[in-house]
N, C-alpha and C. Protein backbone atom coordinates (compact mmCIF):
# COMPACT_ATOMS: atom_id res chain seq x y z
N MET A 1 -5.77 -42.69 93.09
CA MET A 1 -6.56 -41.62 93.66
C MET A 1 -7.79 -42.24 94.32
N TYR A 2 -8.07 -41.80 95.53
CA TYR A 2 -9.28 -42.24 96.21
C TYR A 2 -9.84 -41.10 97.03
N ALA A 3 -11.09 -41.28 97.46
CA ALA A 3 -11.77 -40.26 98.25
C ALA A 3 -12.57 -40.93 99.35
N VAL A 4 -12.87 -40.16 100.38
CA VAL A 4 -13.76 -40.61 101.44
C VAL A 4 -14.99 -39.73 101.37
N VAL A 5 -16.15 -40.35 101.13
CA VAL A 5 -17.41 -39.61 101.00
C VAL A 5 -18.37 -40.02 102.10
N ARG A 6 -19.33 -39.12 102.37
CA ARG A 6 -20.34 -39.40 103.38
C ARG A 6 -21.70 -39.42 102.70
N SER A 7 -22.47 -40.46 102.97
CA SER A 7 -23.82 -40.59 102.44
C SER A 7 -24.70 -41.20 103.52
N ASN A 8 -25.75 -40.50 103.91
CA ASN A 8 -26.66 -40.96 104.96
C ASN A 8 -25.93 -41.31 106.25
N SER A 9 -25.04 -40.43 106.69
CA SER A 9 -24.29 -40.57 107.94
C SER A 9 -23.34 -41.77 107.95
N LYS A 10 -23.00 -42.30 106.79
CA LYS A 10 -22.03 -43.38 106.70
C LYS A 10 -20.90 -42.93 105.78
N GLN A 11 -19.68 -43.35 106.08
CA GLN A 11 -18.53 -42.96 105.29
C GLN A 11 -18.04 -44.14 104.46
N PHE A 12 -17.61 -43.83 103.22
CA PHE A 12 -17.14 -44.84 102.29
C PHE A 12 -15.84 -44.38 101.66
N LYS A 13 -14.87 -45.28 101.55
CA LYS A 13 -13.64 -45.00 100.82
C LYS A 13 -13.86 -45.52 99.40
N VAL A 14 -13.76 -44.61 98.41
CA VAL A 14 -14.07 -44.99 97.04
C VAL A 14 -12.93 -44.59 96.11
N ALA A 15 -12.78 -45.36 95.05
CA ALA A 15 -11.86 -45.05 93.96
C ALA A 15 -12.63 -45.21 92.66
N VAL A 16 -12.08 -44.71 91.57
CA VAL A 16 -12.76 -44.80 90.28
C VAL A 16 -12.90 -46.28 89.91
N GLY A 17 -14.11 -46.68 89.54
CA GLY A 17 -14.39 -48.06 89.16
C GLY A 17 -14.97 -48.90 90.28
N ASP A 18 -14.95 -48.42 91.51
CA ASP A 18 -15.50 -49.17 92.64
C ASP A 18 -17.02 -49.22 92.56
N VAL A 19 -17.59 -50.32 93.03
CA VAL A 19 -19.04 -50.46 93.15
C VAL A 19 -19.35 -50.54 94.64
N ILE A 20 -20.17 -49.60 95.12
CA ILE A 20 -20.51 -49.57 96.54
C ILE A 20 -22.02 -49.62 96.71
N GLU A 21 -22.44 -50.00 97.91
CA GLU A 21 -23.86 -50.09 98.22
C GLU A 21 -24.21 -49.02 99.25
N LEU A 22 -25.05 -48.08 98.83
CA LEU A 22 -25.51 -47.00 99.70
C LEU A 22 -26.93 -47.30 100.14
N ASP A 23 -27.36 -46.70 101.24
CA ASP A 23 -28.76 -46.82 101.63
C ASP A 23 -29.63 -46.30 100.49
N ALA A 24 -30.84 -46.79 100.39
CA ALA A 24 -31.73 -46.48 99.26
C ALA A 24 -31.81 -44.98 99.01
N LEU A 25 -31.51 -44.58 97.77
CA LEU A 25 -31.47 -43.17 97.39
C LEU A 25 -32.68 -42.74 96.58
N GLY A 26 -33.41 -43.67 95.99
CA GLY A 26 -34.59 -43.31 95.21
C GLY A 26 -34.29 -43.03 93.75
N PHE A 27 -33.15 -43.47 93.25
CA PHE A 27 -32.80 -43.31 91.85
C PHE A 27 -33.05 -44.61 91.10
N GLU A 28 -33.22 -44.52 89.81
CA GLU A 28 -33.42 -45.70 88.96
C GLU A 28 -32.09 -46.13 88.36
N PRO A 29 -31.94 -47.41 87.99
CA PRO A 29 -30.70 -47.86 87.34
C PRO A 29 -30.41 -47.06 86.08
N GLY A 30 -29.16 -46.64 85.94
CA GLY A 30 -28.74 -45.84 84.80
C GLY A 30 -28.68 -44.34 85.11
N ASP A 31 -29.29 -43.91 86.21
CA ASP A 31 -29.25 -42.49 86.58
C ASP A 31 -27.86 -42.10 87.07
N ALA A 32 -27.53 -40.83 86.87
CA ALA A 32 -26.26 -40.29 87.37
C ALA A 32 -26.50 -39.72 88.77
N VAL A 33 -25.56 -39.99 89.66
CA VAL A 33 -25.66 -39.53 91.05
C VAL A 33 -24.39 -38.75 91.36
N GLU A 34 -24.53 -37.64 92.07
CA GLU A 34 -23.37 -36.87 92.50
C GLU A 34 -23.35 -36.84 94.02
N LEU A 35 -22.28 -37.38 94.59
CA LEU A 35 -22.11 -37.38 96.04
C LEU A 35 -21.26 -36.17 96.39
N GLY A 36 -21.87 -35.17 97.01
CA GLY A 36 -21.21 -33.89 97.24
C GLY A 36 -20.47 -33.77 98.55
N GLU A 37 -20.72 -34.67 99.49
CA GLU A 37 -20.06 -34.57 100.79
C GLU A 37 -18.76 -35.36 100.78
N VAL A 38 -17.71 -34.74 100.24
CA VAL A 38 -16.40 -35.37 100.16
C VAL A 38 -15.58 -34.91 101.36
N LEU A 39 -15.14 -35.86 102.18
CA LEU A 39 -14.41 -35.54 103.40
C LEU A 39 -12.90 -35.49 103.19
N MET A 40 -12.39 -36.32 102.25
CA MET A 40 -10.96 -36.36 102.01
C MET A 40 -10.69 -36.87 100.60
N VAL A 41 -9.66 -36.31 99.97
CA VAL A 41 -9.23 -36.77 98.65
C VAL A 41 -7.73 -36.99 98.71
N VAL A 42 -7.28 -38.17 98.26
CA VAL A 42 -5.86 -38.51 98.24
C VAL A 42 -5.48 -38.81 96.80
N ASP A 43 -4.48 -38.04 96.30
CA ASP A 43 -3.98 -38.24 94.94
C ASP A 43 -2.46 -38.34 95.03
N GLY A 44 -1.96 -39.55 95.23
CA GLY A 44 -0.53 -39.75 95.41
C GLY A 44 -0.06 -39.12 96.71
N GLU A 45 0.83 -38.13 96.61
CA GLU A 45 1.33 -37.43 97.79
C GLU A 45 0.46 -36.24 98.17
N ASN A 46 -0.46 -35.85 97.29
CA ASN A 46 -1.33 -34.71 97.53
C ASN A 46 -2.56 -35.17 98.32
N VAL A 47 -2.73 -34.67 99.54
CA VAL A 47 -3.84 -35.05 100.40
C VAL A 47 -4.63 -33.79 100.76
N GLN A 48 -5.95 -33.83 100.48
CA GLN A 48 -6.83 -32.73 100.86
C GLN A 48 -7.79 -33.25 101.92
N ILE A 49 -7.84 -32.55 103.04
CA ILE A 49 -8.74 -32.94 104.12
C ILE A 49 -9.70 -31.80 104.36
N GLY A 50 -10.99 -32.11 104.39
CA GLY A 50 -12.00 -31.09 104.59
C GLY A 50 -12.23 -30.79 106.05
N ALA A 51 -12.91 -29.65 106.28
CA ALA A 51 -13.24 -29.27 107.64
C ALA A 51 -14.68 -28.82 107.71
N PRO A 52 -15.70 -29.65 107.68
CA PRO A 52 -15.66 -31.10 107.57
C PRO A 52 -15.68 -31.61 106.12
N ILE A 53 -16.12 -30.78 105.13
CA ILE A 53 -16.13 -31.25 103.74
C ILE A 53 -15.26 -30.34 102.89
N ILE A 54 -14.85 -30.84 101.72
CA ILE A 54 -14.02 -30.08 100.79
C ILE A 54 -14.94 -29.32 99.84
N ASP A 55 -14.78 -28.00 99.79
CA ASP A 55 -15.60 -27.18 98.90
C ASP A 55 -15.23 -27.47 97.45
N GLY A 56 -16.23 -27.66 96.61
CA GLY A 56 -16.02 -27.88 95.18
C GLY A 56 -15.68 -29.30 94.79
N ALA A 57 -15.49 -30.19 95.73
CA ALA A 57 -15.17 -31.58 95.42
C ALA A 57 -16.45 -32.40 95.37
N SER A 58 -16.47 -33.37 94.48
CA SER A 58 -17.62 -34.26 94.38
C SER A 58 -17.19 -35.59 93.78
N VAL A 59 -18.04 -36.57 93.95
CA VAL A 59 -17.82 -37.89 93.36
C VAL A 59 -19.03 -38.18 92.48
N ARG A 60 -18.77 -38.43 91.21
CA ARG A 60 -19.85 -38.73 90.27
C ARG A 60 -19.93 -40.24 90.08
N ALA A 61 -21.16 -40.74 90.13
CA ALA A 61 -21.38 -42.19 90.04
C ALA A 61 -22.63 -42.46 89.22
N THR A 62 -22.77 -43.72 88.80
CA THR A 62 -23.92 -44.17 88.05
C THR A 62 -24.60 -45.29 88.82
N VAL A 63 -25.92 -45.25 88.89
CA VAL A 63 -26.67 -46.27 89.61
C VAL A 63 -26.65 -47.56 88.79
N VAL A 64 -26.20 -48.64 89.41
CA VAL A 64 -26.14 -49.95 88.74
C VAL A 64 -27.44 -50.71 88.97
N GLY A 65 -27.99 -50.62 90.18
CA GLY A 65 -29.22 -51.34 90.47
C GLY A 65 -29.65 -51.15 91.91
N LYS A 66 -30.80 -51.74 92.20
CA LYS A 66 -31.34 -51.73 93.56
C LYS A 66 -31.28 -53.15 94.09
N ILE A 67 -30.86 -53.29 95.33
CA ILE A 67 -30.80 -54.62 95.94
C ILE A 67 -31.36 -54.53 97.35
N ARG A 68 -31.58 -55.70 97.94
CA ARG A 68 -32.02 -55.77 99.33
C ARG A 68 -31.02 -56.63 100.08
N GLY A 69 -30.71 -56.22 101.28
CA GLY A 69 -29.74 -56.92 102.10
C GLY A 69 -30.29 -58.20 102.68
N PRO A 70 -29.49 -58.86 103.50
CA PRO A 70 -29.94 -60.11 104.11
C PRO A 70 -31.06 -59.86 105.12
N LYS A 71 -31.88 -60.88 105.32
CA LYS A 71 -32.98 -60.74 106.26
C LYS A 71 -32.45 -60.80 107.68
N ILE A 72 -32.93 -59.87 108.48
CA ILE A 72 -32.57 -59.82 109.89
C ILE A 72 -33.79 -60.26 110.69
N GLU A 73 -33.60 -61.27 111.51
CA GLU A 73 -34.69 -61.81 112.32
C GLU A 73 -34.75 -61.07 113.65
N ILE A 74 -35.93 -60.62 114.02
CA ILE A 74 -36.15 -59.99 115.31
C ILE A 74 -37.10 -60.89 116.09
N PHE A 75 -36.64 -61.37 117.23
CA PHE A 75 -37.46 -62.26 118.04
C PHE A 75 -37.38 -61.81 119.48
N LYS A 76 -38.53 -61.48 120.06
CA LYS A 76 -38.59 -61.05 121.45
C LYS A 76 -39.46 -62.04 122.22
N PHE A 77 -39.08 -62.29 123.45
CA PHE A 77 -39.94 -63.11 124.29
C PHE A 77 -39.66 -62.79 125.75
N LYS A 78 -40.64 -63.10 126.57
CA LYS A 78 -40.48 -62.95 128.01
C LYS A 78 -40.76 -64.32 128.64
N ALA A 79 -39.80 -64.76 129.42
CA ALA A 79 -39.90 -66.09 130.01
C ALA A 79 -41.10 -66.18 130.95
N LYS A 80 -41.81 -67.30 130.85
CA LYS A 80 -42.93 -67.64 131.74
C LYS A 80 -44.11 -66.69 131.61
N LYS A 81 -44.19 -65.89 130.56
CA LYS A 81 -45.29 -64.93 130.41
C LYS A 81 -46.10 -65.13 129.13
N ARG A 82 -45.78 -66.15 128.35
CA ARG A 82 -46.46 -66.45 127.09
C ARG A 82 -46.41 -65.27 126.11
N TYR A 83 -45.32 -64.54 126.14
CA TYR A 83 -45.15 -63.40 125.24
C TYR A 83 -44.06 -63.74 124.24
N ARG A 84 -44.43 -63.74 122.97
CA ARG A 84 -43.47 -63.96 121.89
C ARG A 84 -43.81 -63.01 120.75
N LYS A 85 -42.82 -62.40 120.18
CA LYS A 85 -43.03 -61.50 119.05
C LYS A 85 -41.94 -61.78 118.03
N HIS A 86 -42.34 -62.01 116.79
CA HIS A 86 -41.39 -62.35 115.73
C HIS A 86 -41.59 -61.40 114.56
N ALA A 87 -40.50 -60.87 114.04
CA ALA A 87 -40.57 -59.97 112.88
C ALA A 87 -39.27 -60.13 112.09
N GLY A 88 -39.27 -59.60 110.89
CA GLY A 88 -38.09 -59.63 110.04
C GLY A 88 -37.94 -58.32 109.32
N HIS A 89 -36.72 -58.05 108.85
CA HIS A 89 -36.45 -56.81 108.14
C HIS A 89 -35.39 -57.04 107.07
N LYS A 90 -35.59 -56.43 105.89
CA LYS A 90 -34.59 -56.44 104.83
C LYS A 90 -34.34 -55.00 104.43
N GLN A 91 -33.10 -54.55 104.57
CA GLN A 91 -32.74 -53.17 104.23
C GLN A 91 -32.60 -53.02 102.72
N SER A 92 -33.08 -51.92 102.18
CA SER A 92 -32.94 -51.62 100.75
C SER A 92 -31.67 -50.82 100.51
N TYR A 93 -30.94 -51.18 99.47
CA TYR A 93 -29.70 -50.51 99.11
C TYR A 93 -29.73 -50.11 97.65
N THR A 94 -28.96 -49.07 97.32
CA THR A 94 -28.75 -48.66 95.94
C THR A 94 -27.29 -48.93 95.62
N ARG A 95 -27.05 -49.73 94.60
CA ARG A 95 -25.68 -50.07 94.20
C ARG A 95 -25.22 -49.08 93.13
N VAL A 96 -24.10 -48.39 93.38
CA VAL A 96 -23.59 -47.39 92.45
C VAL A 96 -22.15 -47.71 92.07
N LYS A 97 -21.77 -47.31 90.85
CA LYS A 97 -20.41 -47.47 90.36
C LYS A 97 -19.80 -46.09 90.23
N VAL A 98 -18.64 -45.90 90.84
CA VAL A 98 -17.96 -44.60 90.85
C VAL A 98 -17.32 -44.37 89.48
N ASP A 99 -17.68 -43.23 88.84
CA ASP A 99 -17.15 -42.91 87.53
C ASP A 99 -15.99 -41.91 87.58
N GLU A 100 -16.11 -40.93 88.49
CA GLU A 100 -15.13 -39.84 88.48
C GLU A 100 -15.05 -39.19 89.86
N ILE A 101 -13.84 -38.79 90.23
CA ILE A 101 -13.63 -38.03 91.46
C ILE A 101 -13.14 -36.65 91.05
N VAL A 102 -13.91 -35.63 91.38
CA VAL A 102 -13.58 -34.24 91.03
C VAL A 102 -13.10 -33.55 92.29
N ALA A 103 -11.85 -33.08 92.28
CA ALA A 103 -11.31 -32.42 93.47
C ALA A 103 -10.83 -31.02 93.15
């Protein structure tokens, strides 16, 4: 059994026991999270497709921890103009473990 859920305009295919990284949600490790935007649920031959989401379906998960992604370097320059700009960015993620798919 697996489901396709949407979180922060991104879609994830999840099954029970999977650990996924979502954009920072603001929860602490150990908190329970319910992802309510379920787009599709597949259970063997039984397939439910939402239009756009399935009413009453949800994915329950537990927050495992907070992590930060790899550093992205931003470097801008203009040739022959002595203009250089350097910056970096690290995206924050919330790592969750899927406990249950309710359909």
